[in-house]
Amino acid sequence: MFRRHLPVFLALALWGGHALALEIQPYSEARLGSLQAAQKPVAVHFHAPWCPTCVAQERSLKQLQAEPGLDVTVLVADYDTEKALRKRLNVRVQSTLVVFRGATETQRVGGVTEAAGLRAALATATAGSR
């Protein structure tokens, strides 16, 4: 009997892992607002293409996308152009990651480039939600 249902179990397992994966999207005020209003885990990554630390963070975040279980949306904000957002969130340097559960800030890190450190910061948005 188990063999007959194995494809269903595998499909559910793969679908479930995919549903809980890190998403990386460009920042928009509308997207941030909708995620926060829905009490979803979200982070804003202040990125500058000229910043080597930001580029290293980007690589680590992409690495985390391949790992199941981190149900957070990362919105990438251009550090140079999103001045009003920087002011509102009191961000003073590029390579800052501000993590939220809904509208509540759960963590803020700057300059962290290792996947493990970024994973730990992002996980604060989902702690206790399962």
C-alpha atoms as a PDB file:
ATOM      1  CA  MET A   1       0.000   0.000   0.000  1.00  0.00           C
ATOM      2  CA  PHE A   2       2.818   2.417   0.896  1.00  0.00           C
ATOM      3  CA  ARG A   3       4.403   2.018  -2.563  1.00  0.00           C
ATOM      4  CA  ARG A   4       1.167   2.960  -4.244  1.00  0.00           C
ATOM      5  CA  HIS A   5       1.011   6.250  -2.317  1.00  0.00           C
ATOM      6  CA  LEU A   6       4.731   7.042  -2.399  1.00  0.00           C
ATOM      7  CA  PRO A   7       4.463   9.490  -5.352  1.00  0.00           C
ATOM      8  CA  VAL A   8       1.764  11.427  -3.490  1.00  0.00           C
ATOM      9  CA  PHE A   9       3.865  11.609  -0.323  1.00  0.00           C
ATOM     10  CA  LEU A  10       6.902  12.745  -2.301  1.00  0.00           C
ATOM     11  CA  ALA A  11       4.910  15.393  -4.160  1.00  0.00           C
ATOM     12  CA  LEU A  12       3.496  16.753  -0.903  1.00  0.00           C
ATOM     13  CA  ALA A  13       6.929  16.837   0.686  1.00  0.00           C
ATOM     14  CA  LEU A  14       8.457  18.665  -2.276  1.00  0.00           C
ATOM     15  CA  TRP A  15       5.555  21.091  -2.549  1.00  0.00           C
ATOM     16  CA  GLY A  16       5.713  21.826   1.176  1.00  0.00           C
ATOM     17  CA  GLY A  17       9.451  22.525   1.019  1.00  0.00           C
ATOM     18  CA  HIS A  18       8.968  24.825  -1.944  1.00  0.00           C
ATOM     19  CA  ALA A  19       6.209  26.771  -0.205  1.00  0.00           C
ATOM     20  CA  LEU A  20       8.547  27.561   2.682  1.00  0.00           C
ATOM     21  CA  ALA A  21      11.481  28.921   0.716  1.00  0.00           C
ATOM     22  CA  LEU A  22      13.172  32.297   0.926  1.00  0.00           C
ATOM     23  CA  GLU A  23      11.912  34.689  -1.733  1.00  0.00           C
ATOM     24  CA  ILE A  24      13.985  37.613  -3.030  1.00  0.00           C
ATOM     25  CA  GLN A  25      12.142  40.445  -4.785  1.00  0.00           C
ATOM     26  CA  PRO A  26      12.820  44.071  -5.661  1.00  0.00           C
ATOM     27  CA  TYR A  27      11.588  46.511  -3.029  1.00  0.00           C
ATOM     28  CA  SER A  28       8.336  48.367  -3.520  1.00  0.00           C
ATOM     29  CA  GLU A  29       6.409  50.284  -0.889  1.00  0.00           C
ATOM     30  CA  ALA A  30       3.218  48.497  -1.943  1.00  0.00           C
ATOM     31  CA  ARG A  31       4.779  45.042  -1.559  1.00  0.00           C
ATOM     32  CA  LEU A  32       6.256  45.857   1.852  1.00  0.00           C
ATOM     33  CA  GLY A  33       2.920  47.277   2.989  1.00  0.00           C
ATOM     34  CA  SER A  34       0.923  44.253   1.842  1.00  0.00           C
ATOM     35  CA  LEU A  35       3.290  41.771   3.494  1.00  0.00           C
ATOM     36  CA  GLN A  36       3.288  43.739   6.732  1.00  0.00           C
ATOM     37  CA  ALA A  37      -0.508  44.109   6.716  1.00  0.00           C
ATOM     38  CA  ALA A  38      -0.802  40.329   6.295  1.00  0.00           C
ATOM     39  CA  GLN A  39       1.588  39.827   9.275  1.00  0.00           C
ATOM     40  CA  LYS A  40       4.046  37.994   7.010  1.00  0.00           C
ATOM     41  CA  PRO A  41       7.788  37.631   7.656  1.00  0.00           C
ATOM     42  CA  VAL A  42       9.627  40.180   5.515  1.00  0.00           C
ATOM     43  CA  ALA A  43      13.069  41.763   5.426  1.00  0.00           C
ATOM     44  CA  VAL A  44      14.405  44.814   3.648  1.00  0.00           C
ATOM     45  CA  HIS A  45      17.962  44.475   2.367  1.00  0.00           C
ATOM     46  CA  PHE A  46      19.604  47.831   1.668  1.00  0.00           C
ATOM     47  CA  HIS A  47      21.863  46.980  -1.242  1.00  0.00           C
ATOM     48  CA  ALA A  48      24.279  49.020  -3.337  1.00  0.00           C
ATOM     49  CA  PRO A  49      25.843  47.445  -6.432  1.00  0.00           C
ATOM     50  CA  TRP A  50      29.155  49.201  -5.730  1.00  0.00           C
ATOM     51  CA  CYS A  51      29.362  47.713  -2.204  1.00  0.00           C
ATOM     52  CA  PRO A  52      31.433  44.494  -1.949  1.00  0.00           C
ATOM     53  CA  THR A  53      29.720  43.581   1.338  1.00  0.00           C
ATOM     54  CA  CYS A  54      26.293  43.909  -0.305  1.00  0.00           C
ATOM     55  CA  VAL A  55      27.411  41.696  -3.191  1.00  0.00           C
ATOM     56  CA  ALA A  56      28.616  39.051  -0.702  1.00  0.00           C
ATOM     57  CA  GLN A  57      25.275  39.288   1.135  1.00  0.00           C
ATOM     58  CA  GLU A  58      23.438  38.855  -2.155  1.00  0.00           C
ATOM     59  CA  ARG A  59      25.393  35.646  -2.853  1.00  0.00           C
ATOM     60  CA  SER A  60      24.573  34.288   0.609  1.00  0.00           C
ATOM     61  CA  LEU A  61      20.887  35.182   0.304  1.00  0.00           C
ATOM     62  CA  LYS A  62      20.731  33.365  -3.043  1.00  0.00           C
ATOM     63  CA  GLN A  63      22.371  30.379  -1.376  1.00  0.00           C
ATOM     64  CA  LEU A  64      19.645  30.446   1.294  1.00  0.00           C
ATOM     65  CA  GLN A  65      16.967  30.337  -1.424  1.00  0.00           C
ATOM     66  CA  ALA A  66      18.000  26.756  -2.122  1.00  0.00           C
ATOM     67  CA  GLU A  67      17.339  25.735   1.483  1.00  0.00           C
ATOM     68  CA  PRO A  68      13.770  24.795   2.396  1.00  0.00           C
ATOM     69  CA  GLY A  69      12.152  26.006   5.569  1.00  0.00           C
ATOM     70  CA  LEU A  70      12.930  29.733   5.587  1.00  0.00           C
ATOM     71  CA  ASP A  71       9.557  31.327   4.804  1.00  0.00           C
ATOM     72  CA  VAL A  72      10.631  34.973   4.482  1.00  0.00           C
ATOM     73  CA  THR A  73      10.406  37.496   1.662  1.00  0.00           C
ATOM     74  CA  VAL A  74      13.501  39.670   1.243  1.00  0.00           C
ATOM     75  CA  LEU A  75      12.835  42.957  -0.516  1.00  0.00           C
ATOM     76  CA  VAL A  76      15.991  44.440  -2.022  1.00  0.00           C
ATOM     77  CA  ALA A  77      16.019  48.237  -1.708  1.00  0.00           C
ATOM     78  CA  ASP A  78      18.532  50.350  -3.611  1.00  0.00           C
ATOM     79  CA  TYR A  79      20.544  52.100  -0.910  1.00  0.00           C
ATOM     80  CA  ASP A  80      21.345  55.050  -3.177  1.00  0.00           C
ATOM     81  CA  THR A  81      17.800  55.836  -4.332  1.00  0.00           C
ATOM     82  CA  GLU A  82      15.499  54.792  -1.460  1.00  0.00           C
ATOM     83  CA  LYS A  83      16.387  57.784   0.726  1.00  0.00           C
ATOM     84  CA  ALA A  84      12.914  58.211   2.268  1.00  0.00           C
ATOM     85  CA  LEU A  85      12.830  54.530   3.262  1.00  0.00           C
ATOM     86  CA  ARG A  86      16.334  54.773   4.716  1.00  0.00           C
ATOM     87  CA  LYS A  87      15.244  57.748   6.791  1.00  0.00           C
ATOM     88  CA  ARG A  88      12.000  56.095   7.923  1.00  0.00           C
ATOM     89  CA  LEU A  89      13.828  52.933   9.028  1.00  0.00           C
ATOM     90  CA  ASN A  90      16.835  54.862  10.368  1.00  0.00           C
ATOM     91  CA  VAL A  91      19.307  53.037   8.118  1.00  0.00           C
ATOM     92  CA  ARG A  92      22.649  54.802   7.860  1.00  0.00           C
ATOM     93  CA  VAL A  93      24.790  52.340   5.924  1.00  0.00           C
ATOM     94  CA  GLN A  94      24.387  49.996   2.980  1.00  0.00           C
ATOM     95  CA  SER A  95      24.495  46.258   3.669  1.00  0.00           C
ATOM     96  CA  THR A  96      21.826  46.645   6.361  1.00  0.00           C
ATOM     97  CA  LEU A  97      19.133  43.992   6.664  1.00  0.00           C
ATOM     98  CA  VAL A  98      16.008  44.971   8.616  1.00  0.00           C
ATOM     99  CA  VAL A  99      13.788  42.004   9.500  1.00  0.00           C
ATOM    100  CA  PHE A 100      10.084  42.243  10.366  1.00  0.00           C
ATOM    101  CA  ARG A 101       7.239  40.016  11.471  1.00  0.00           C
ATOM    102  CA  GLY A 102       4.398  42.095  10.108  1.00  0.00           C
ATOM    103  CA  ALA A 103       5.221  45.675  11.053  1.00  0.00           C
ATOM    104  CA  THR A 104       7.256  44.689  14.123  1.00  0.00           C
ATOM    105  CA  GLU A 105      11.016  44.794  13.693  1.00  0.00           C
ATOM    106  CA  THR A 106      12.567  41.563  14.991  1.00  0.00           C
ATOM    107  CA  GLN A 107      16.209  42.017  13.991  1.00  0.00           C
ATOM    108  CA  ARG A 108      18.615  44.407  12.328  1.00  0.00           C
ATOM    109  CA  VAL A 109      22.064  43.439  11.107  1.00  0.00           C
ATOM    110  CA  GLY A 110      24.687  45.275   9.120  1.00  0.00           C
ATOM    111  CA  GLY A 111      27.648  43.867   7.267  1.00  0.00           C
ATOM    112  CA  VAL A 112      26.795  40.213   7.925  1.00  0.00           C
ATOM    113  CA  THR A 113      27.828  38.232   4.861  1.00  0.00           C
ATOM    114  CA  GLU A 114      27.792  34.606   6.020  1.00  0.00           C
ATOM    115  CA  ALA A 115      24.694  32.571   5.157  1.00  0.00           C
ATOM    116  CA  ALA A 116      24.420  31.278   8.737  1.00  0.00           C
ATOM    117  CA  GLY A 117      24.321  34.799  10.184  1.00  0.00           C
ATOM    118  CA  LEU A 118      21.746  35.965   7.647  1.00  0.00           C
ATOM    119  CA  ARG A 119      19.664  32.823   8.236  1.00  0.00           C
ATOM    120  CA  ALA A 120      19.666  33.480  11.994  1.00  0.00           C
ATOM    121  CA  ALA A 121      18.552  37.087  11.484  1.00  0.00           C
ATOM    122  CA  LEU A 122      15.800  36.097   9.033  1.00  0.00           C
ATOM    123  CA  ALA A 123      14.585  33.310  11.313  1.00  0.00           C
ATOM    124  CA  THR A 124      13.646  35.879  13.963  1.00  0.00           C
ATOM    125  CA  ALA A 125      10.708  36.854  11.741  1.00  0.00           C
ATOM    126  CA  THR A 126       9.266  33.353  11.860  1.00  0.00           C
ATOM    127  CA  ALA A 127      10.089  32.374  15.454  1.00  0.00           C
ATOM    128  CA  GLY A 128       6.975  31.180  17.219  1.00  0.00           C
ATOM    129  CA  SER A 129       4.787  31.414  14.116  1.00  0.00           C
ATOM    130  CA  ARG A 130       4.520  27.668  13.463  1.00  0.00           C
END
